[in-house]
Amino acid sequence: MADYAVIALGGKQYRVREGETIVVDRVAAEPGDSISPKVLAVGGADGISDGGSVTAEVEEHVLGPKITVFTYRAKKDSKRKMGHRSRLSRVRITGIGG
């Protein structure tokens, strides 16, 4: 039985367990849809193996915290205030197959 898996989702890697909820960059799926991310490794009591399968469900799309960036150049009368909120998705891992 697989205890954990290492998956690649949105250009990043995550170590996940079954039943866990992770927040990732926005995925192209609607809330309630099931997705199957790329599996890099599956680990358990018998060691680590390549392959395997992971199923996950998109719970909701959320916005990240507001980020404010202020830049200025001293003695140049140049300043600029910028900011953004990242688009994120909350994903629940429903199953790991070894």
N, C-alpha and C. Protein backbone atom coordinates (compact mmCIF):
# COMPACT_ATOMS: atom_id res chain seq x y z
N MET A 1 0.84 -1.19 0.00
CA MET A 1 0.00 0.00 0.00
C MET A 1 0.88 1.25 0.00
N ALA A 2 0.48 2.23 -0.76
CA ALA A 2 1.26 3.46 -0.89
C ALA A 2 0.91 4.43 0.24
N ASP A 3 1.92 4.92 0.93
CA ASP A 3 1.71 5.90 2.00
C ASP A 3 1.66 7.31 1.46
N TYR A 4 2.50 7.59 0.45
CA TYR A 4 2.56 8.94 -0.10
C TYR A 4 2.95 8.87 -1.57
N ALA A 5 2.80 10.00 -2.24
CA ALA A 5 3.19 10.09 -3.65
C ALA A 5 3.80 11.47 -3.90
N VAL A 6 4.68 11.54 -4.87
CA VAL A 6 5.23 12.81 -5.32
C VAL A 6 4.62 13.09 -6.69
N ILE A 7 3.89 14.21 -6.79
CA ILE A 7 3.20 14.54 -8.04
C ILE A 7 3.72 15.86 -8.59
N ALA A 8 3.55 16.04 -9.89
CA ALA A 8 3.89 17.30 -10.56
C ALA A 8 2.58 17.91 -11.03
N LEU A 9 2.31 19.13 -10.57
CA LEU A 9 1.06 19.81 -10.91
C LEU A 9 1.34 21.29 -11.04
N GLY A 10 1.11 21.85 -12.21
CA GLY A 10 1.33 23.28 -12.42
C GLY A 10 2.80 23.68 -12.40
N GLY A 11 3.68 22.77 -12.81
CA GLY A 11 5.11 23.10 -12.86
C GLY A 11 5.82 22.98 -11.53
N LYS A 12 5.12 22.52 -10.50
CA LYS A 12 5.73 22.34 -9.19
C LYS A 12 5.52 20.91 -8.73
N GLN A 13 6.33 20.49 -7.77
CA GLN A 13 6.22 19.13 -7.24
C GLN A 13 5.70 19.17 -5.81
N TYR A 14 4.83 18.21 -5.49
CA TYR A 14 4.21 18.14 -4.17
C TYR A 14 4.29 16.71 -3.65
N ARG A 15 4.56 16.58 -2.35
CA ARG A 15 4.51 15.28 -1.69
C ARG A 15 3.16 15.22 -0.98
N VAL A 16 2.33 14.27 -1.39
CA VAL A 16 0.95 14.23 -0.91
C VAL A 16 0.62 12.87 -0.30
N ARG A 17 -0.39 12.89 0.56
CA ARG A 17 -0.96 11.68 1.14
C ARG A 17 -2.45 11.65 0.79
N GLU A 18 -3.04 10.47 0.88
CA GLU A 18 -4.46 10.34 0.58
C GLU A 18 -5.29 11.09 1.61
N GLY A 19 -6.30 11.85 1.14
CA GLY A 19 -7.15 12.63 2.02
C GLY A 19 -6.64 14.04 2.28
N GLU A 20 -5.42 14.35 1.85
CA GLU A 20 -4.82 15.65 2.08
C GLU A 20 -5.38 16.69 1.10
N THR A 21 -5.42 17.93 1.53
CA THR A 21 -5.85 19.04 0.67
C THR A 21 -4.66 19.96 0.45
N ILE A 22 -4.38 20.29 -0.82
CA ILE A 22 -3.27 21.18 -1.14
C ILE A 22 -3.79 22.36 -1.96
N VAL A 23 -3.06 23.46 -1.90
CA VAL A 23 -3.39 24.65 -2.68
C VAL A 23 -2.32 24.79 -3.76
N VAL A 24 -2.75 24.78 -5.02
CA VAL A 24 -1.83 24.81 -6.16
C VAL A 24 -2.21 25.96 -7.09
N ASP A 25 -1.35 26.25 -8.06
CA ASP A 25 -1.70 27.22 -9.08
C ASP A 25 -2.97 26.76 -9.80
N ARG A 26 -3.74 27.68 -10.32
CA ARG A 26 -5.04 27.40 -10.92
C ARG A 26 -4.93 26.29 -11.96
N VAL A 27 -5.79 25.28 -11.83
CA VAL A 27 -5.84 24.18 -12.79
C VAL A 27 -7.03 24.39 -13.72
N ALA A 28 -6.93 23.85 -14.91
CA ALA A 28 -7.97 24.04 -15.91
C ALA A 28 -9.06 22.98 -15.75
N ALA A 29 -9.75 23.01 -14.62
CA ALA A 29 -10.86 22.10 -14.36
C ALA A 29 -11.85 22.83 -13.46
N GLU A 30 -13.09 22.43 -13.56
CA GLU A 30 -14.14 23.05 -12.77
C GLU A 30 -14.19 22.41 -11.37
N PRO A 31 -14.66 23.13 -10.37
CA PRO A 31 -14.82 22.53 -9.04
C PRO A 31 -15.74 21.31 -9.11
N GLY A 32 -15.31 20.23 -8.48
CA GLY A 32 -16.04 18.97 -8.52
C GLY A 32 -15.48 17.99 -9.53
N ASP A 33 -14.68 18.48 -10.48
CA ASP A 33 -14.07 17.61 -11.49
C ASP A 33 -12.93 16.81 -10.87
N SER A 34 -12.70 15.64 -11.43
CA SER A 34 -11.61 14.78 -10.99
C SER A 34 -10.43 14.95 -11.96
N ILE A 35 -9.23 15.04 -11.42
CA ILE A 35 -8.03 15.19 -12.25
C ILE A 35 -7.05 14.10 -11.87
N SER A 36 -6.11 13.80 -12.77
CA SER A 36 -5.06 12.83 -12.47
C SER A 36 -3.71 13.47 -12.82
N PRO A 37 -3.02 14.01 -11.82
CA PRO A 37 -1.73 14.66 -12.06
C PRO A 37 -0.65 13.65 -12.41
N LYS A 38 0.46 14.15 -12.94
CA LYS A 38 1.59 13.31 -13.29
C LYS A 38 2.25 12.81 -12.01
N VAL A 39 2.47 11.50 -11.93
CA VAL A 39 3.05 10.89 -10.73
C VAL A 39 4.53 10.66 -10.97
N LEU A 40 5.38 11.18 -10.10
CA LEU A 40 6.82 11.02 -10.22
C LEU A 40 7.32 9.83 -9.41
N ALA A 41 6.76 9.61 -8.23
CA ALA A 41 7.18 8.49 -7.38
C ALA A 41 6.07 8.17 -6.40
N VAL A 42 6.06 6.91 -5.97
CA VAL A 42 5.12 6.45 -4.95
C VAL A 42 5.94 5.75 -3.89
N GLY A 43 5.70 6.11 -2.63
CA GLY A 43 6.48 5.52 -1.54
C GLY A 43 5.59 4.89 -0.50
N GLY A 44 6.14 3.88 0.16
CA GLY A 44 5.40 3.19 1.21
C GLY A 44 6.35 2.38 2.07
N ALA A 45 5.80 1.39 2.75
CA ALA A 45 6.59 0.56 3.65
C ALA A 45 7.61 -0.27 2.89
N ASP A 46 7.33 -0.61 1.63
CA ASP A 46 8.24 -1.44 0.85
C ASP A 46 9.22 -0.63 0.01
N GLY A 47 9.33 0.68 0.24
CA GLY A 47 10.28 1.51 -0.48
C GLY A 47 9.61 2.44 -1.47
N ILE A 48 10.43 2.99 -2.35
CA ILE A 48 9.96 3.96 -3.33
C ILE A 48 9.96 3.32 -4.71
N SER A 49 8.90 3.57 -5.47
CA SER A 49 8.83 3.04 -6.83
C SER A 49 8.38 4.12 -7.79
N ASP A 50 8.73 3.94 -9.05
CA ASP A 50 8.30 4.88 -10.09
C ASP A 50 6.86 4.55 -10.49
N GLY A 51 6.21 5.53 -11.09
CA GLY A 51 4.88 5.30 -11.61
C GLY A 51 3.81 5.32 -10.55
N GLY A 52 2.77 4.55 -10.77
CA GLY A 52 1.62 4.58 -9.87
C GLY A 52 0.57 5.52 -10.41
N SER A 53 -0.47 5.72 -9.63
CA SER A 53 -1.53 6.61 -10.07
C SER A 53 -2.07 7.39 -8.89
N VAL A 54 -2.48 8.62 -9.15
CA VAL A 54 -3.06 9.48 -8.14
C VAL A 54 -4.31 10.11 -8.73
N THR A 55 -5.40 10.10 -7.97
CA THR A 55 -6.60 10.81 -8.39
C THR A 55 -6.87 11.93 -7.40
N ALA A 56 -7.33 13.05 -7.92
CA ALA A 56 -7.58 14.22 -7.09
C ALA A 56 -8.85 14.89 -7.56
N GLU A 57 -9.47 15.64 -6.67
CA GLU A 57 -10.70 16.35 -6.99
C GLU A 57 -10.51 17.83 -6.70
N VAL A 58 -10.90 18.68 -7.65
CA VAL A 58 -10.81 20.12 -7.47
C VAL A 58 -11.96 20.55 -6.56
N GLU A 59 -11.64 21.12 -5.39
CA GLU A 59 -12.67 21.54 -4.46
C GLU A 59 -13.21 22.93 -4.79
N GLU A 60 -12.28 23.88 -5.02
CA GLU A 60 -12.71 25.24 -5.33
C GLU A 60 -11.55 26.04 -5.89
N HIS A 61 -11.90 27.15 -6.55
CA HIS A 61 -10.91 28.11 -7.02
C HIS A 61 -10.90 29.27 -6.04
N VAL A 62 -9.72 29.69 -5.63
CA VAL A 62 -9.59 30.76 -4.64
C VAL A 62 -8.57 31.79 -5.11
N LEU A 63 -8.58 32.93 -4.45
CA LEU A 63 -7.57 33.95 -4.69
C LEU A 63 -6.58 33.93 -3.54
N GLY A 64 -5.30 34.09 -3.87
CA GLY A 64 -4.28 34.14 -2.85
C GLY A 64 -4.28 35.47 -2.13
N PRO A 65 -3.38 35.63 -1.18
CA PRO A 65 -3.32 36.91 -0.45
C PRO A 65 -2.87 38.05 -1.37
N LYS A 66 -3.27 39.25 -1.03
CA LYS A 66 -2.90 40.40 -1.82
C LYS A 66 -1.42 40.71 -1.59
N ILE A 67 -0.68 40.83 -2.67
CA ILE A 67 0.75 41.15 -2.63
C ILE A 67 0.92 42.58 -3.12
N THR A 68 1.58 43.42 -2.35
CA THR A 68 1.83 44.80 -2.75
C THR A 68 3.34 44.99 -2.89
N VAL A 69 3.75 45.53 -4.03
CA VAL A 69 5.16 45.77 -4.31
C VAL A 69 5.34 47.26 -4.58
N PHE A 70 6.26 47.89 -3.89
CA PHE A 70 6.52 49.32 -4.09
C PHE A 70 7.99 49.47 -4.48
N THR A 71 8.24 50.05 -5.65
CA THR A 71 9.61 50.27 -6.09
C THR A 71 9.86 51.75 -6.25
N TYR A 72 11.08 52.16 -5.98
CA TYR A 72 11.43 53.56 -6.20
C TYR A 72 12.92 53.66 -6.48
N ARG A 73 13.29 54.77 -7.11
CA ARG A 73 14.69 55.06 -7.38
C ARG A 73 15.04 56.35 -6.64
N ALA A 74 15.97 56.25 -5.76
CA ALA A 74 16.33 57.41 -4.94
C ALA A 74 16.87 58.54 -5.82
N LYS A 75 16.51 59.74 -5.48
CA LYS A 75 16.97 60.97 -6.14
C LYS A 75 16.55 61.07 -7.60
N LYS A 76 15.63 60.23 -8.08
CA LYS A 76 15.18 60.25 -9.47
C LYS A 76 13.70 60.61 -9.58
N ASP A 77 13.02 60.82 -8.45
CA ASP A 77 11.59 61.11 -8.44
C ASP A 77 10.81 60.06 -9.22
N SER A 78 11.19 58.79 -9.02
CA SER A 78 10.54 57.69 -9.71
C SER A 78 10.04 56.69 -8.67
N LYS A 79 8.75 56.46 -8.66
CA LYS A 79 8.19 55.45 -7.78
C LYS A 79 6.99 54.81 -8.44
N ARG A 80 6.75 53.54 -8.06
CA ARG A 80 5.66 52.79 -8.68
C ARG A 80 5.12 51.78 -7.67
N LYS A 81 3.82 51.75 -7.52
CA LYS A 81 3.17 50.80 -6.63
C LYS A 81 2.40 49.79 -7.47
N MET A 82 2.70 48.52 -7.27
CA MET A 82 2.06 47.44 -8.03
C MET A 82 1.58 46.38 -7.07
N GLY A 83 0.74 45.49 -7.53
CA GLY A 83 0.29 44.39 -6.71
C GLY A 83 -0.49 43.39 -7.51
N HIS A 84 -0.77 42.25 -6.90
CA HIS A 84 -1.56 41.21 -7.56
C HIS A 84 -2.08 40.22 -6.53
N ARG A 85 -3.03 39.40 -6.95
CA ARG A 85 -3.51 38.26 -6.16
C ARG A 85 -3.45 37.05 -7.07
N SER A 86 -2.74 36.03 -6.63
CA SER A 86 -2.57 34.81 -7.42
C SER A 86 -3.88 34.04 -7.52
N ARG A 87 -4.12 33.45 -8.68
CA ARG A 87 -5.28 32.59 -8.87
C ARG A 87 -4.86 31.18 -8.47
N LEU A 88 -5.55 30.58 -7.50
CA LEU A 88 -5.17 29.29 -6.96
C LEU A 88 -6.35 28.33 -7.00
N SER A 89 -6.06 27.05 -6.85
CA SER A 89 -7.08 26.02 -6.75
C SER A 89 -6.80 25.16 -5.53
N ARG A 90 -7.86 24.80 -4.82
CA ARG A 90 -7.74 23.89 -3.68
C ARG A 90 -8.10 22.50 -4.18
N VAL A 91 -7.15 21.56 -4.04
CA VAL A 91 -7.29 20.21 -4.59
C VAL A 91 -7.19 19.19 -3.45
N ARG A 92 -8.13 18.23 -3.42
CA ARG A 92 -8.11 17.16 -2.41
C ARG A 92 -7.68 15.86 -3.07
N ILE A 93 -6.71 15.19 -2.49
CA ILE A 93 -6.20 13.91 -3.01
C ILE A 93 -7.17 12.82 -2.56
N THR A 94 -7.78 12.14 -3.54
CA THR A 94 -8.80 11.13 -3.21
C THR A 94 -8.25 9.71 -3.23
N GLY A 95 -7.17 9.46 -3.94
CA GLY A 95 -6.66 8.09 -3.98
C GLY A 95 -5.25 8.01 -4.51
N ILE A 96 -4.47 7.09 -3.94
CA ILE A 96 -3.11 6.82 -4.40
C ILE A 96 -3.00 5.32 -4.67
N GLY A 97 -2.62 4.97 -5.89
CA GLY A 97 -2.43 3.58 -6.26
C GLY A 97 -0.97 3.30 -6.53
N GLY A 98 -0.46 2.24 -5.98
CA GLY A 98 0.96 1.92 -6.11
C GLY A 98 1.17 0.95 -7.18
